[in-house]
């Protein structure tokens, strides 16, 4: 499927992607970035978030998540919010269509 990633808050388009839902993990999608237009600040925040997750530095995640959530990212056509975005070389993307928690999935961002 093709869709744009937009900010619900600013109404700006940040990327055109082609993605698919993965069967092995509920609400998880992977794909390719066809057109990359993420603002530098947001791109840096997403990279910092992923670095913290990869190094298991969970104590700092809330602050970074709050800054990313400000953008309120979603898929334009399907109007699904997207969570836990990972970007690789500005060419590959992965994300969840619901926010994963230890108690299940949420449709919206958790209260931080």
Protein backbone atom coordinates (compact mmCIF):
# COMPACT_ATOMS: atom_id res chain seq x y z
CA UNK A 1 0.00 0.00 0.00
CA UNK A 2 1.14 3.55 -0.65
CA UNK A 3 0.37 6.40 1.68
CA UNK A 4 1.74 9.66 3.00
CA UNK A 5 2.97 10.13 6.53
CA UNK A 6 1.64 13.46 7.73
CA UNK A 7 1.55 15.45 10.91
CA UNK A 8 -2.02 15.74 12.14
CA UNK A 9 -0.95 18.84 14.05
CA UNK A 10 0.77 20.75 11.21
CA UNK A 11 -0.93 19.02 8.22
CA UNK A 12 2.48 18.71 6.51
CA UNK A 13 3.53 15.66 4.46
CA UNK A 14 6.74 14.09 5.74
CA UNK A 15 7.10 11.05 3.51
CA UNK A 16 5.52 8.99 0.79
CA UNK A 17 5.86 5.33 1.70
CA UNK A 18 4.97 1.93 0.34
CA UNK A 19 4.29 -0.46 3.21
CA UNK A 20 2.71 -3.73 4.25
CA UNK A 21 1.41 -5.16 7.50
CA UNK A 22 3.57 -7.94 8.91
CA UNK A 23 1.73 -11.10 9.91
CA UNK A 24 4.08 -12.09 12.73
CA UNK A 25 3.59 -8.98 14.89
CA UNK A 26 0.19 -7.44 15.49
CA UNK A 27 -0.24 -3.88 14.07
CA UNK A 28 3.39 -3.82 12.84
CA UNK A 29 4.23 -2.50 9.36
CA UNK A 30 7.40 -2.31 7.30
CA UNK A 31 8.13 -0.62 4.03
CA UNK A 32 10.19 1.63 1.81
CA UNK A 33 10.34 5.38 1.79
CA UNK A 34 9.64 6.67 -1.71
CA UNK A 35 9.92 10.36 -0.88
CA UNK A 36 11.65 11.57 2.31
CA UNK A 37 10.68 15.01 3.64
CA UNK A 38 10.94 14.63 7.41
CA UNK A 39 12.00 17.87 9.10
CA UNK A 40 15.56 17.67 10.43
CA UNK A 41 14.41 18.04 14.06
CA UNK A 42 11.87 15.20 13.80
CA UNK A 43 14.34 12.99 11.96
CA UNK A 44 16.89 13.54 14.73
CA UNK A 45 14.31 12.77 17.41
CA UNK A 46 13.30 9.51 15.71
CA UNK A 47 16.95 8.48 15.38
CA UNK A 48 17.62 9.36 19.03
CA UNK A 49 14.55 7.38 20.12
CA UNK A 50 15.73 4.32 18.19
CA UNK A 51 19.25 4.62 19.59
CA UNK A 52 17.82 4.69 23.14
CA UNK A 53 15.70 1.60 22.42
CA UNK A 54 18.65 -0.25 20.86
CA UNK A 55 20.91 0.52 23.83
CA UNK A 56 18.12 -0.20 26.33
CA UNK A 57 18.37 3.31 27.83
CA UNK A 58 14.70 3.34 28.71
CA UNK A 59 14.91 6.04 31.38
CA UNK A 60 15.30 8.72 28.71
CA UNK A 61 12.56 7.50 26.34
CA UNK A 62 9.62 9.46 27.80
CA UNK A 63 11.19 12.82 27.07
CA UNK A 64 11.98 11.93 23.45
CA UNK A 65 8.58 10.27 22.91
CA UNK A 66 6.81 13.38 24.12
CA UNK A 67 8.67 15.48 21.53
CA UNK A 68 7.88 13.02 18.73
CA UNK A 69 4.23 12.78 19.79
CA UNK A 70 3.87 16.53 19.43
CA UNK A 71 3.82 15.94 15.64
CA UNK A 72 0.93 13.46 15.95
CA UNK A 73 2.04 11.37 12.97
CA UNK A 74 -0.46 9.46 10.90
CA UNK A 75 -1.08 7.85 7.53
CA UNK A 76 -3.05 10.28 5.37
CA UNK A 77 -5.33 7.94 3.39
CA UNK A 78 -6.15 5.46 6.13
CA UNK A 79 -6.12 8.11 8.88
CA UNK A 80 -4.28 5.68 11.18
CA UNK A 81 -1.93 7.18 13.72
CA UNK A 82 1.53 5.63 13.66
CA UNK A 83 3.80 4.88 16.59
CA UNK A 84 7.36 3.75 17.33
CA UNK A 85 8.74 4.73 13.94
CA UNK A 86 12.11 3.40 12.91
CA UNK A 87 13.98 4.84 9.92
CA UNK A 88 16.92 3.08 8.30
CA UNK A 89 19.14 5.03 5.91
CA UNK A 90 16.15 7.24 4.99
CA UNK A 91 15.08 4.38 2.75
CA UNK A 92 13.32 1.85 5.01
CA UNK A 93 10.66 2.40 7.62
CA UNK A 94 8.84 0.40 10.26
CA UNK A 95 6.09 1.43 12.64
CA UNK A 96 3.05 0.29 14.61
CA UNK A 97 -0.55 1.24 13.80
CA UNK A 98 -1.37 1.09 17.52
CA UNK A 99 0.80 2.02 20.48
CA UNK A 100 2.26 -1.17 22.01
CA UNK A 101 2.23 -1.48 25.82
CA UNK A 102 2.73 -4.35 28.24
CA UNK A 103 -1.06 -4.43 28.67
CA UNK A 104 -1.92 -4.51 24.97
CA UNK A 105 -2.32 -1.86 22.29
CA UNK A 106 -3.66 1.69 22.49
CA UNK A 107 -5.32 3.69 19.72
CA UNK A 108 -3.81 6.96 20.97
CA UNK A 109 -0.66 8.11 22.67
CA UNK A 110 -0.44 7.26 26.35
CA UNK A 111 -0.45 10.07 28.89
CA UNK A 112 3.11 11.11 29.53
